[in-house]
Amino acid sequence: MTETQSAPVTLRWRGDRRLDQGMRDLLCGPGGAFERRIEDVLGAPAEVFVQRVGSIPAMLEAAVAREPDTTYLLLDGPEPETLSFAQTERLARAYAEVLAARYGIGSGDRVAVAAANGREHLLLLWATLSLGAIAVGLNGWWAPAELDHGLRLTEPKAAFGLGRPLERLRASETVSSGALTADSLDDLHAAAVALGEPIRALTGTPIGEDDPALIMFTSGTTNRPKGVTLSHRNVVHFGMFGGIGGAVAALTGTGLRQVPPDLQRTSILANPLFHVSGACVALSNATLYGLRLVILDRGKWDAERALEITDRYRLTQWTGVPTHFWRMLNHPDFEKYSTDQVTVIGSGGATFAPELLRLFARKMPGLQITNGYGMTETTGSGTFLNGLEMDGHPASVGAAAPTVEVQVRDESGNVLPEGEVGEIHVRSASVFLGYWNDPDATAKALTPDRWYRSGDYGRVVEGVLYLESRMRDLILRGGENVYPIEIEYRLVEHPGIADAAVIGVPHESLGQEVKAFVVAEPGTSLTPDEVRTWVADGLAAFKVPAQVEFLDALPYNETGKVLKRLLEDRPTSA
């Protein structure tokens, strides 16, 4: 990829070169499903897929035209239900009519939702997007104060929820004060079902490719989550780069499992719809490739239940994070359930431990295992690890994903050669529009020519990217991004806590868990449980420290920065 090792390196996808010429022309040549070219995207050059639709709703409409009776959703429960693409499209149009008539939702309005994965949640997304409105994905595990921040930032015209997330939403100041009503998704569904045949077309509202579609939340160096604004183009490209990447891996791999011809490709919708990995799989991958999504009956994810669902509904792929896979493969009744039809493992957000790869090879040989590095700001795109990269560089996060450029730069913005550590930069048609209502943060995150500054450190070796450290001290806990500063701010709000620092510590199945170092005010007596309860009252459960250690003082350097390296080197304690 570079002529000399000292030359600056830009990673670009070249996976299609592994195909023979005939297959390459068929898939990627002129008129091919994955033909690519450089176009101007928001004032900067980007590689795009030529044969793309112009909006997210157009993907569902195309699926209906192609395979109307194919199952899209399988709703697990005592009496499982299915929804075809055509049934989903009709209900989405009915939801849209209710949103427009009852709530006045139109182009550019925000519609917020806090709920677990479910039929109603997904139908609300489709309806919102079909109106040209913007879906605001509130984290269903957030505390009322966190939900309130999301509402104040995005100023939705309507808000919906189900179950405990709806209760917490209604407890937020914005809703409890009467400034906004939070309605039940069940009531919205009933109103939509009560309609006759909906008149509104799913793609009747003019939508531009770069119009905002989704606002999803991430955190950074402040104690408040930022609203990552994703466009219709972003989400369409998510499905397409995954499609060609997976196709090349399947066509060039040897000894890989194949989906039995009598089975529909099927996956559990494991990742939350308020995460990019959940929403984009449901909106893009499933509609583009006829994927059937199993939505589990509401309740906590459980490894044995996932195995039983795999057997009962003949899942052909697993999508999740390494934590899920560890628990399933190590379950004492693993052999009791049929997993032979599973062909693909898809993941992201954390590297696969070598022992996990060995476990897959032993228990499920022939799998196509795909991992990657990306973030909400890049619609999950970045690097792509499978096939040869997985074999030769298993500790890396892979090569550039299709249509994506990746560079490692120094503090002055100079692109670095192989082997040198710097900040990872990403540019593609999948890079976000910006942070909602936060131009300063957007300007810090995006260069003028739309390279995204990730805040992560890495290095390039032999055409693949290795992560070195997290510039923002990000903790990856079971697929959830946890930012220490949010927890640290919450801790020092306690009247009995003088100082606090938070780090991630290794955990076998979760990858990492949260550990807090606490300095109590003089004369104050605190217990770890009291500290955890305080955090739990203000933040989501996954941010509550699993470990709490009390210190007389935190280690600081001469500039007043906490030396977290010294904390990381301390022996682990409960």
Protein backbone atom coordinates (compact mmCIF):
# COMPACT_ATOMS: atom_id res chain seq x y z
CA MET A 1 0.00 0.00 0.00
CA THR A 2 3.04 2.25 0.41
CA GLU A 3 6.25 2.37 -1.63
CA THR A 4 8.52 2.77 1.37
CA GLN A 5 8.02 2.15 5.02
CA SER A 6 8.76 5.83 5.79
CA ALA A 7 6.02 7.14 3.49
CA PRO A 8 2.78 8.40 5.05
CA VAL A 9 0.12 5.69 5.04
CA THR A 10 -3.54 5.95 4.07
CA LEU A 11 -5.45 2.70 4.45
CA ARG A 12 -8.07 2.02 1.77
CA TRP A 13 -10.12 -1.09 1.08
CA ARG A 14 -8.67 -3.36 -1.57
CA GLY A 15 -10.49 -6.56 -0.65
CA ASP A 16 -12.15 -6.92 -4.05
CA ARG A 17 -8.70 -7.60 -5.56
CA ARG A 18 -8.88 -11.05 -3.98
CA LEU A 19 -11.74 -11.96 -6.32
CA ASP A 20 -11.18 -13.42 -9.76
CA GLN A 21 -11.74 -10.92 -12.54
CA GLY A 22 -15.16 -12.25 -13.52
CA MET A 23 -16.59 -12.09 -10.00
CA ARG A 24 -14.98 -8.72 -9.39
CA ASP A 25 -16.59 -7.29 -12.53
CA LEU A 26 -19.95 -8.79 -11.59
CA LEU A 27 -19.99 -7.33 -8.07
CA CYS A 28 -17.90 -4.17 -8.36
CA GLY A 29 -17.71 -3.34 -12.07
CA PRO A 30 -19.92 -0.87 -13.96
CA GLY A 31 -23.54 -1.55 -13.09
CA GLY A 32 -22.54 -4.02 -10.38
CA ALA A 33 -24.34 -3.98 -7.02
CA PHE A 34 -21.21 -2.64 -5.30
CA GLU A 35 -19.81 -0.35 -7.99
CA ARG A 36 -17.91 2.55 -6.37
CA ARG A 37 -16.69 5.99 -7.39
CA ILE A 38 -15.47 9.23 -5.82
CA GLU A 39 -18.09 11.93 -5.34
CA ASP A 40 -18.36 15.18 -3.46
CA VAL A 41 -20.01 14.59 -0.10
CA LEU A 42 -20.66 17.76 1.90
CA GLY A 43 -17.77 19.52 0.24
CA ALA A 44 -15.16 16.78 0.49
CA PRO A 45 -14.28 13.80 -1.74
CA ALA A 46 -15.53 10.41 -0.60
CA GLU A 47 -15.86 7.00 -2.17
CA VAL A 48 -19.53 6.06 -2.51
CA PHE A 49 -21.57 3.15 -3.79
CA VAL A 50 -23.07 4.07 -7.13
CA GLN A 51 -26.06 1.69 -7.02
CA ARG A 52 -27.52 3.08 -3.82
CA VAL A 53 -30.99 4.27 -2.87
CA GLY A 54 -31.47 7.85 -1.77
CA SER A 55 -32.94 7.39 1.70
CA ILE A 56 -33.48 4.92 4.51
CA PRO A 57 -37.23 4.44 3.78
CA ALA A 58 -36.36 3.62 0.16
CA MET A 59 -34.51 0.51 1.40
CA LEU A 60 -37.69 -0.88 2.95
CA GLU A 61 -39.70 0.05 -0.12
CA ALA A 62 -37.17 -1.78 -2.31
CA ALA A 63 -37.36 -4.86 -0.07
CA VAL A 64 -41.16 -4.86 -0.44
CA ALA A 65 -40.86 -4.66 -4.22
CA ARG A 66 -38.29 -7.46 -4.28
CA GLU A 67 -39.64 -9.92 -1.70
CA PRO A 68 -42.88 -8.65 -0.08
CA ASP A 69 -43.75 -11.87 1.75
CA THR A 70 -40.29 -12.57 3.14
CA THR A 71 -40.21 -12.44 6.94
CA TYR A 72 -38.53 -9.34 8.31
CA LEU A 73 -39.31 -9.61 12.03
CA LEU A 74 -39.90 -12.66 14.16
CA LEU A 75 -41.25 -11.65 17.56
CA ASP A 76 -40.35 -14.22 20.16
CA GLY A 77 -42.86 -14.97 22.90
CA PRO A 78 -45.42 -17.54 24.08
CA GLU A 79 -47.12 -17.16 20.69
CA PRO A 80 -44.43 -15.99 18.25
CA GLU A 81 -45.49 -13.51 15.58
CA THR A 82 -43.95 -12.64 12.25
CA LEU A 83 -44.02 -9.52 10.12
CA SER A 84 -43.13 -9.60 6.44
CA PHE A 85 -41.52 -6.68 4.68
CA ALA A 86 -44.90 -5.76 3.18
CA GLN A 87 -46.68 -5.92 6.54
CA THR A 88 -43.95 -3.81 8.13
CA GLU A 89 -44.20 -1.20 5.39
CA ARG A 90 -47.97 -0.93 5.78
CA LEU A 91 -47.76 -0.53 9.56
CA ALA A 92 -44.97 2.03 9.21
CA ARG A 93 -47.21 4.09 6.92
CA ALA A 94 -50.03 3.84 9.47
CA TYR A 95 -47.68 4.96 12.27
CA ALA A 96 -46.62 7.87 10.07
CA GLU A 97 -50.23 8.96 9.55
CA VAL A 98 -50.80 8.98 13.31
CA LEU A 99 -47.57 10.91 13.92
CA ALA A 100 -48.47 13.48 11.30
CA ALA A 101 -52.14 13.90 12.23
CA ARG A 102 -52.01 13.60 16.02
CA TYR A 103 -48.57 15.03 16.79
CA GLY A 104 -47.95 17.28 13.80
CA ILE A 105 -44.67 15.59 12.93
CA GLY A 106 -43.04 16.72 9.68
CA SER A 107 -39.66 17.21 8.05
CA GLY A 108 -36.91 18.14 10.48
CA ASP A 109 -38.94 17.51 13.65
CA ARG A 110 -37.40 15.28 16.29
CA VAL A 111 -39.18 12.23 17.68
CA ALA A 112 -37.57 10.70 20.78
CA VAL A 113 -37.91 7.11 21.94
CA ALA A 114 -36.73 5.27 25.07
CA ALA A 115 -37.53 1.57 24.91
CA ALA A 116 -36.14 -1.91 24.60
CA ASN A 117 -35.96 -3.52 21.16
CA GLY A 118 -39.41 -4.34 19.88
CA ARG A 119 -41.82 -4.19 16.97
CA GLU A 120 -43.29 -0.87 18.08
CA HIS A 121 -39.86 0.71 18.58
CA LEU A 122 -38.72 -0.25 15.10
CA LEU A 123 -41.99 0.78 13.45
CA LEU A 124 -41.67 4.18 15.09
CA LEU A 125 -38.22 4.58 13.54
CA TRP A 126 -39.51 3.73 10.07
CA ALA A 127 -42.49 6.08 10.41
CA THR A 128 -40.39 8.95 11.74
CA LEU A 129 -37.86 8.64 8.94
CA SER A 130 -40.55 8.37 6.27
CA LEU A 131 -41.86 11.79 7.34
CA GLY A 132 -38.44 13.36 6.91
CA ALA A 133 -38.27 13.71 10.69
CA ILE A 134 -35.32 12.75 12.90
CA ALA A 135 -35.41 9.82 15.30
CA VAL A 136 -33.74 10.52 18.65
CA GLY A 137 -32.49 7.28 20.22
CA LEU A 138 -32.47 7.75 23.98
CA ASN A 139 -30.54 5.13 25.90
CA GLY A 140 -33.19 2.99 27.57
CA TRP A 141 -30.92 2.35 30.56
CA TRP A 142 -30.36 6.03 31.36
CA ALA A 143 -31.50 7.58 34.61
CA PRO A 144 -34.13 10.37 34.47
CA ALA A 145 -31.49 13.12 34.64
CA GLU A 146 -29.61 11.63 31.69
CA LEU A 147 -32.83 11.30 29.70
CA ASP A 148 -33.65 14.90 30.53
CA HIS A 149 -30.35 16.04 29.07
CA GLY A 150 -31.16 14.20 25.83
CA LEU A 151 -34.57 15.84 25.65
CA ARG A 152 -33.27 19.33 26.36
CA LEU A 153 -30.52 18.99 23.77
CA THR A 154 -32.67 17.69 20.91
CA GLU A 155 -36.02 19.37 21.76
CA PRO A 156 -38.27 16.64 20.33
CA LYS A 157 -41.81 17.41 19.25
CA ALA A 158 -42.97 14.01 20.55
CA ALA A 159 -41.54 11.32 22.83
CA PHE A 160 -42.44 7.67 23.29
CA GLY A 161 -41.39 4.76 25.44
CA LEU A 162 -42.30 1.42 26.93
CA GLY A 163 -41.87 -0.25 30.30
CA ARG A 164 -39.28 1.01 32.75
CA PRO A 165 -37.62 3.32 30.21
CA LEU A 166 -40.99 5.07 29.80
CA GLU A 167 -41.30 5.40 33.58
CA ARG A 168 -37.85 7.01 33.77
CA LEU A 169 -38.66 9.22 30.79
CA ARG A 170 -41.79 10.47 32.54
CA ALA A 171 -39.70 11.13 35.67
CA SER A 172 -37.39 13.48 33.73
CA GLU A 173 -37.83 17.16 34.47
CA THR A 174 -38.82 18.02 30.91
CA VAL A 175 -41.73 15.56 30.95
CA SER A 176 -42.73 15.83 34.62
CA SER A 177 -42.91 19.63 34.31
CA GLY A 178 -45.40 19.31 31.46
CA ALA A 179 -43.08 20.77 28.81
CA LEU A 180 -43.33 17.52 26.83
CA THR A 181 -45.63 14.51 26.88
CA ALA A 182 -44.15 11.02 26.86
CA ASP A 183 -46.64 8.53 25.41
CA SER A 184 -46.69 4.76 25.32
CA LEU A 185 -45.64 2.96 22.17
CA ASP A 186 -48.46 0.52 22.85
CA ASP A 187 -50.98 3.36 22.50
CA LEU A 188 -49.35 4.54 19.29
CA HIS A 189 -49.50 1.01 17.90
CA ALA A 190 -53.18 0.67 18.78
CA ALA A 191 -53.97 3.96 17.05
CA ALA A 192 -52.10 2.88 13.93
CA VAL A 193 -53.76 -0.54 13.78
CA ALA A 194 -57.20 1.11 14.15
CA LEU A 195 -56.68 3.03 10.89
CA GLY A 196 -57.98 1.74 7.64
CA GLU A 197 -55.60 1.32 4.72
CA PRO A 198 -53.05 4.14 5.15
CA ILE A 199 -52.92 6.65 2.32
CA ARG A 200 -49.44 8.03 2.91
CA ALA A 201 -46.60 6.51 0.81
CA LEU A 202 -43.52 5.44 2.70
CA THR A 203 -41.30 7.52 0.41
CA GLY A 204 -43.78 10.31 -0.26
CA THR A 205 -41.80 13.02 1.59
CA PRO A 206 -38.81 14.46 -0.30
CA ILE A 207 -35.64 13.46 1.55
CA GLY A 208 -32.06 14.40 0.69
CA GLU A 209 -29.26 11.89 1.14
CA ASP A 210 -27.49 14.19 3.58
CA ASP A 211 -30.61 15.14 5.53
CA PRO A 212 -30.36 14.16 9.22
CA ALA A 213 -32.04 10.87 10.07
CA LEU A 214 -30.89 9.68 13.51
CA ILE A 215 -29.50 11.31 16.63
CA MET A 216 -27.62 8.84 18.81
CA PHE A 217 -25.70 9.67 21.92
CA THR A 218 -22.08 9.30 22.78
CA SER A 219 -19.87 10.85 25.42
CA GLY A 220 -16.51 12.51 25.23
CA THR A 221 -14.41 14.71 27.43
CA THR A 222 -17.38 16.42 29.08
CA ASN A 223 -19.86 15.01 31.55
CA ARG A 224 -22.76 15.33 29.09
CA PRO A 225 -23.50 12.96 26.19
CA LYS A 226 -23.38 14.52 22.74
CA GLY A 227 -25.97 13.94 20.03
CA VAL A 228 -24.31 12.29 17.05
CA THR A 229 -26.33 13.24 13.96
CA LEU A 230 -26.37 10.59 11.23
CA SER A 231 -27.70 11.11 7.72
CA HIS A 232 -29.70 8.89 5.40
CA ARG A 233 -26.54 8.43 3.31
CA ASN A 234 -24.64 7.27 6.40
CA VAL A 235 -27.10 4.48 7.16
CA VAL A 236 -27.49 3.34 3.54
CA HIS A 237 -23.72 3.00 3.21
CA PHE A 238 -23.53 1.05 6.48
CA GLY A 239 -25.41 -1.84 4.93
CA MET A 240 -23.62 -1.70 1.62
CA PHE A 241 -20.06 -1.74 2.94
CA GLY A 242 -20.97 -4.64 5.20
CA GLY A 243 -22.49 -6.47 2.25
CA ILE A 244 -19.49 -6.32 -0.07
CA GLY A 245 -17.04 -6.96 2.78
CA GLY A 246 -18.91 -10.08 3.82
CA ALA A 247 -19.31 -11.26 0.24
CA VAL A 248 -15.58 -11.05 -0.47
CA ALA A 249 -14.75 -12.87 2.77
CA ALA A 250 -17.21 -15.66 1.91
CA LEU A 251 -16.03 -16.00 -1.70
CA THR A 252 -12.32 -16.06 -0.87
CA GLY A 253 -12.41 -18.11 2.32
CA THR A 254 -11.75 -21.84 2.38
CA GLY A 255 -13.60 -24.42 4.43
CA LEU A 256 -16.28 -21.95 5.49
CA ARG A 257 -19.79 -22.98 6.45
CA GLN A 258 -22.60 -22.17 4.02
CA VAL A 259 -26.20 -21.26 4.86
CA PRO A 260 -28.39 -24.30 4.10
CA PRO A 261 -30.44 -23.56 0.95
CA ASP A 262 -33.76 -24.10 2.75
CA LEU A 263 -33.03 -21.48 5.45
CA GLN A 264 -33.49 -17.72 5.45
CA ARG A 265 -30.56 -15.79 6.84
CA THR A 266 -31.61 -15.12 10.43
CA SER A 267 -30.14 -13.24 13.38
CA ILE A 268 -31.17 -12.08 16.83
CA LEU A 269 -31.42 -8.30 16.98
CA ALA A 270 -29.06 -8.35 19.95
CA ASN A 271 -27.79 -4.77 19.95
CA PRO A 272 -30.13 -2.00 21.17
CA LEU A 273 -31.94 0.12 18.60
CA PHE A 274 -30.51 3.20 20.33
CA HIS A 275 -27.04 2.00 19.30
CA VAL A 276 -25.77 2.40 15.76
CA SER A 277 -25.05 -1.34 15.59
CA GLY A 278 -28.66 -2.17 16.37
CA ALA A 279 -30.48 0.51 14.39
CA CYS A 280 -28.38 0.17 11.24
CA VAL A 281 -28.63 -3.63 11.13
CA ALA A 282 -32.42 -3.37 11.44
CA LEU A 283 -32.86 -0.49 9.01
CA SER A 284 -30.17 -1.27 6.46
CA ASN A 285 -28.69 -4.78 6.52
CA ALA A 286 -31.99 -6.59 6.99
CA THR A 287 -33.79 -4.74 4.21
CA LEU A 288 -30.90 -4.86 1.73
CA TYR A 289 -30.21 -8.59 2.12
CA GLY A 290 -33.48 -10.16 3.26
CA LEU A 291 -32.26 -10.85 6.78
CA ARG A 292 -34.85 -12.10 9.27
CA LEU A 293 -34.47 -10.47 12.69
CA VAL A 294 -35.56 -12.23 15.86
CA ILE A 295 -36.62 -9.80 18.57
CA LEU A 296 -36.56 -11.52 21.91
CA ASP A 297 -39.49 -11.19 24.27
CA ARG A 298 -38.69 -8.37 26.64
CA GLY A 299 -36.22 -9.34 29.30
CA LYS A 300 -32.53 -9.53 30.09
CA TRP A 301 -30.25 -11.27 27.60
CA ASP A 302 -29.40 -14.79 28.70
CA ALA A 303 -26.85 -17.16 27.13
CA GLU A 304 -28.94 -20.32 27.36
CA ARG A 305 -31.96 -18.54 25.99
CA ALA A 306 -29.86 -17.27 23.07
CA LEU A 307 -28.72 -20.84 22.38
CA GLU A 308 -32.28 -22.14 22.60
CA ILE A 309 -33.44 -19.38 20.21
CA THR A 310 -30.57 -20.30 17.86
CA ASP A 311 -31.88 -23.86 17.77
CA ARG A 312 -35.60 -23.05 17.64
CA TYR A 313 -35.47 -20.38 14.94
CA ARG A 314 -32.43 -21.77 13.06
CA LEU A 315 -30.27 -18.68 13.40
CA THR A 316 -27.63 -18.47 10.69
CA GLN A 317 -25.61 -15.66 12.22
CA TRP A 318 -24.81 -14.23 15.61
CA THR A 319 -24.39 -10.52 16.08
CA GLY A 320 -23.15 -9.18 19.37
CA VAL A 321 -20.07 -8.42 21.40
CA PRO A 322 -17.40 -10.81 22.69
CA THR A 323 -19.19 -10.98 26.05
CA HIS A 324 -22.19 -12.64 24.42
CA PHE A 325 -20.03 -15.19 22.62
CA TRP A 326 -17.97 -16.10 25.67
CA ARG A 327 -21.12 -16.87 27.63
CA MET A 328 -22.75 -18.90 24.88
CA LEU A 329 -19.71 -21.00 24.01
CA ASN A 330 -18.90 -21.70 27.66
CA HIS A 331 -22.45 -22.57 28.63
CA PRO A 332 -22.53 -26.11 30.12
CA ASP A 333 -25.42 -27.08 27.81
CA PHE A 334 -23.88 -25.70 24.62
CA GLU A 335 -23.81 -29.12 22.91
CA LYS A 336 -27.51 -29.60 23.60
CA TYR A 337 -28.47 -27.00 20.98
CA SER A 338 -28.03 -27.01 17.22
CA THR A 339 -25.53 -24.41 16.03
CA ASP A 340 -24.35 -26.12 12.83
CA GLN A 341 -26.38 -23.72 10.67
CA VAL A 342 -24.64 -20.65 12.10
CA THR A 343 -22.24 -19.37 9.45
CA VAL A 344 -21.34 -15.78 10.42
CA ILE A 345 -20.26 -14.05 13.61
CA GLY A 346 -20.46 -10.26 13.51
CA SER A 347 -19.07 -7.99 16.19
CA GLY A 348 -17.45 -4.64 16.88
CA GLY A 349 -16.29 -2.42 19.69
CA ALA A 350 -13.74 -4.80 21.23
CA THR A 351 -11.04 -7.09 19.88
CA PHE A 352 -11.49 -10.85 20.07
CA ALA A 353 -9.18 -12.48 22.59
CA PRO A 354 -7.06 -15.23 21.00
CA GLU A 355 -8.65 -17.74 23.38
CA LEU A 356 -12.11 -16.77 22.11
CA LEU A 357 -11.01 -17.40 18.51
CA ARG A 358 -9.60 -20.78 19.54
CA LEU A 359 -12.87 -21.58 21.30
CA PHE A 360 -14.83 -20.79 18.13
CA ALA A 361 -12.48 -22.94 16.05
CA ARG A 362 -12.91 -25.85 18.42
CA LYS A 363 -16.67 -25.67 18.98
CA MET A 364 -17.91 -24.10 15.70
CA PRO A 365 -15.33 -24.74 12.96
CA GLY A 366 -15.76 -23.05 9.59
CA LEU A 367 -17.33 -19.82 10.83
CA GLN A 368 -16.80 -16.52 9.05
CA ILE A 369 -15.82 -14.28 11.96
CA THR A 370 -15.97 -10.53 11.38
CA ASN A 371 -14.92 -7.83 13.79
CA GLY A 372 -14.20 -4.19 13.29
CA TYR A 373 -13.32 -0.81 14.67
CA GLY A 374 -15.69 2.09 14.33
CA MET A 375 -17.73 4.48 16.39
CA THR A 376 -21.10 6.17 16.39
CA GLU A 377 -19.60 9.20 14.62
CA THR A 378 -18.60 7.02 11.65
CA THR A 379 -21.82 4.97 11.62
CA GLY A 380 -19.79 2.02 12.83
CA SER A 381 -17.36 2.15 9.89
CA GLY A 382 -13.60 2.23 10.20
CA THR A 383 -11.69 -1.01 9.89
CA PHE A 384 -12.82 -4.52 9.07
CA LEU A 385 -11.22 -7.69 10.41
CA ASN A 386 -11.93 -11.09 8.88
CA GLY A 387 -10.41 -13.69 6.59
CA LEU A 388 -6.72 -13.18 5.98
CA GLU A 389 -6.41 -10.30 8.43
CA MET A 390 -8.06 -12.37 11.17
CA ASP A 391 -5.60 -15.20 10.45
CA GLY A 392 -2.48 -13.07 10.16
CA HIS A 393 -3.19 -10.19 12.53
CA PRO A 394 -5.75 -11.42 15.08
CA ALA A 395 -4.78 -8.77 17.65
CA SER A 396 -5.42 -5.95 15.18
CA VAL A 397 -8.72 -4.30 14.30
CA GLY A 398 -8.21 -5.00 10.62
CA ALA A 399 -7.87 -3.23 7.30
CA ALA A 400 -9.92 -0.28 6.10
CA ALA A 401 -13.58 -1.14 5.53
CA PRO A 402 -15.04 -0.68 2.03
CA THR A 403 -15.27 3.03 0.98
CA VAL A 404 -13.35 4.09 4.12
CA GLU A 405 -10.00 5.88 4.41
CA VAL A 406 -7.97 5.57 7.61
CA GLN A 407 -4.90 7.55 8.62
CA VAL A 408 -2.77 7.84 11.75
CA ARG A 409 -1.59 11.40 12.41
CA ASP A 410 0.73 13.17 14.81
CA GLU A 411 -0.24 16.13 17.01
CA SER A 412 0.39 18.55 14.15
CA GLY A 413 -1.91 16.67 11.81
CA ASN A 414 0.85 15.06 9.74
CA VAL A 415 0.05 11.61 8.35
CA LEU A 416 2.43 9.05 9.86
CA PRO A 417 4.18 6.07 8.24
CA GLU A 418 3.79 2.46 9.26
CA GLY A 419 4.70 1.58 12.81
CA GLU A 420 4.37 5.05 14.32
CA VAL A 421 1.71 5.73 16.93
CA GLY A 422 -0.69 8.63 16.50
CA GLU A 423 -4.32 9.64 16.53
CA ILE A 424 -6.60 7.65 14.24
CA HIS A 425 -8.49 9.66 11.61
CA VAL A 426 -11.34 8.29 9.49
CA ARG A 427 -13.03 9.68 6.37
CA SER A 428 -15.90 8.18 4.40
CA ALA A 429 -19.47 8.74 3.26
CA SER A 430 -20.43 7.22 6.62
CA VAL A 431 -18.92 10.01 8.72
CA PHE A 432 -21.59 11.84 10.68
CA LEU A 433 -23.01 15.29 9.98
CA GLY A 434 -21.91 16.68 13.34
CA TYR A 435 -22.99 16.89 16.97
CA TRP A 436 -26.54 18.15 17.34
CA ASN A 437 -26.63 21.77 18.48
CA ASP A 438 -22.92 21.72 19.38
CA PRO A 439 -20.86 23.46 16.67
CA ASP A 440 -17.78 23.77 18.88
CA ALA A 441 -17.60 20.02 19.51
CA THR A 442 -18.26 19.38 15.82
CA ALA A 443 -15.39 21.66 14.80
CA LYS A 444 -13.04 19.81 17.14
CA ALA A 445 -14.11 16.41 15.83
CA LEU A 446 -14.12 17.11 12.07
CA THR A 447 -11.32 18.62 9.99
CA PRO A 448 -12.35 21.08 7.24
CA ASP A 449 -12.06 18.25 4.68
CA ARG A 450 -14.24 15.96 6.86
CA TRP A 451 -11.71 13.65 8.44
CA TYR A 452 -13.03 12.50 11.81
CA ARG A 453 -10.55 12.80 14.66
CA SER A 454 -11.30 9.67 16.66
CA GLY A 455 -9.40 10.52 19.83
CA ASP A 456 -7.98 6.99 19.76
CA TYR A 457 -4.32 6.12 19.34
CA GLY A 458 -3.14 3.46 16.93
CA ARG A 459 -0.50 2.38 14.44
CA VAL A 460 -0.53 0.75 11.02
CA VAL A 461 1.41 -2.47 10.44
CA GLU A 462 1.30 -4.39 7.13
CA GLY A 463 -1.89 -2.70 6.02
CA VAL A 464 -3.89 -3.23 9.19
CA LEU A 465 -4.62 -1.03 12.20
CA TYR A 466 -3.64 -1.77 15.77
CA LEU A 467 -5.18 0.15 18.67
CA GLU A 468 -2.63 1.39 21.16
CA SER A 469 -4.63 3.28 23.76
CA ARG A 470 -7.76 5.27 24.25
CA MET A 471 -7.03 8.98 24.37
CA ARG A 472 -10.33 9.50 26.17
CA ASP A 473 -9.82 6.62 28.64
CA LEU A 474 -12.84 4.85 27.17
CA ILE A 475 -13.94 1.74 29.05
CA LEU A 476 -15.49 -1.01 26.90
CA ARG A 477 -17.79 -2.96 29.18
CA GLY A 478 -19.71 -5.76 27.47
CA GLY A 479 -20.29 -3.68 24.34
CA GLU A 480 -21.22 -0.49 26.23
CA ASN A 481 -18.98 2.57 25.99
CA VAL A 482 -18.32 3.95 29.47
CA TYR A 483 -16.55 7.28 29.86
CA PRO A 484 -14.85 7.69 33.24
CA ILE A 485 -15.43 11.43 33.47
CA GLU A 486 -19.21 10.98 33.64
CA ILE A 487 -18.80 8.71 36.66
CA GLU A 488 -16.12 10.89 38.21
CA TYR A 489 -18.38 13.93 38.02
CA ARG A 490 -21.16 11.98 39.69
CA LEU A 491 -18.86 10.72 42.46
CA VAL A 492 -17.53 14.12 43.46
CA GLU A 493 -21.10 15.45 43.72
CA HIS A 494 -21.41 13.27 46.84
CA PRO A 495 -20.92 15.45 49.93
CA GLY A 496 -18.68 12.83 51.50
CA ILE A 497 -16.32 12.41 48.51
CA ALA A 498 -13.42 14.79 48.11
CA ASP A 499 -11.85 13.32 44.97
CA ALA A 500 -12.34 10.39 42.61
CA ALA A 501 -10.88 8.71 39.55
CA VAL A 502 -12.32 5.92 37.42
CA ILE A 503 -10.56 3.37 35.22
CA GLY A 504 -11.41 0.18 33.41
CA VAL A 505 -10.02 -3.08 34.73
CA PRO A 506 -9.93 -6.43 32.89
CA HIS A 507 -12.89 -8.78 33.15
CA GLU A 508 -12.95 -12.22 31.53
CA SER A 509 -16.35 -12.05 29.84
CA LEU A 510 -17.21 -8.32 29.85
CA GLY A 511 -13.82 -7.27 28.53
CA GLN A 512 -13.59 -4.54 31.16
CA GLU A 513 -15.49 -3.42 34.21
CA VAL A 514 -15.57 -0.12 36.05
CA LYS A 515 -13.35 0.56 39.04
CA ALA A 516 -13.53 3.75 41.11
CA PHE A 517 -10.81 5.16 43.34
CA VAL A 518 -12.38 7.36 45.99
CA VAL A 519 -10.91 9.87 48.44
CA ALA A 520 -13.37 10.55 51.25
CA GLU A 521 -13.78 13.91 52.95
CA PRO A 522 -11.97 14.07 56.30
CA GLY A 523 -14.06 12.53 59.06
CA THR A 524 -16.42 10.82 56.57
CA SER A 525 -16.97 7.08 56.61
CA LEU A 526 -18.18 5.47 53.38
CA THR A 527 -18.60 1.91 52.20
CA PRO A 528 -18.26 0.60 48.62
CA ASP A 529 -21.98 -0.19 48.57
CA GLU A 530 -22.83 3.39 49.54
CA VAL A 531 -20.64 4.68 46.71
CA ARG A 532 -22.27 2.31 44.22
CA THR A 533 -25.76 3.30 45.37
CA TRP A 534 -24.92 6.97 44.89
CA VAL A 535 -23.76 6.38 41.31
CA ALA A 536 -26.75 4.16 40.56
CA ASP A 537 -29.16 6.90 41.65
CA GLY A 538 -27.80 9.24 38.97
CA LEU A 539 -26.42 7.11 36.17
CA ALA A 540 -27.26 3.97 34.22
CA ALA A 541 -26.57 0.61 35.80
CA PHE A 542 -23.70 -0.29 33.45
CA LYS A 543 -21.78 2.78 34.70
CA VAL A 544 -21.93 1.75 38.36
CA PRO A 545 -18.45 0.74 39.61
CA ALA A 546 -18.07 -2.98 40.17
CA GLN A 547 -15.00 -2.22 42.28
CA VAL A 548 -14.44 0.65 44.72
CA GLU A 549 -11.11 1.32 46.39
CA PHE A 550 -10.54 4.05 48.99
CA LEU A 551 -7.30 6.04 48.92
CA ASP A 552 -5.87 8.80 51.08
CA ALA A 553 -5.08 10.80 47.94
CA LEU A 554 -4.97 10.37 44.17
CA PRO A 555 -1.59 10.48 42.39
CA TYR A 556 -1.13 13.74 40.47
CA ASN A 557 1.71 15.03 38.31
CA GLU A 558 3.12 18.53 38.49
CA THR A 559 0.54 19.88 36.03
CA GLY A 560 -2.37 18.63 38.13
CA LYS A 561 -3.29 15.60 35.98
CA VAL A 562 -4.25 12.36 37.67
CA LEU A 563 -1.70 9.66 36.86
CA LYS A 564 -4.14 6.91 35.97
CA ARG A 565 -1.26 4.70 34.89
CA LEU A 566 -0.28 4.41 38.55
CA LEU A 567 -3.85 3.49 39.45
CA GLU A 568 -3.94 0.86 36.70
CA ASP A 569 -0.77 -0.69 38.09
CA ARG A 570 -2.29 -1.22 41.53
CA PRO A 571 -3.37 -4.77 42.41
CA THR A 572 -7.05 -5.44 41.69
CA SER A 573 -9.22 -5.43 44.79
CA ALA A 574 -12.97 -5.84 45.39
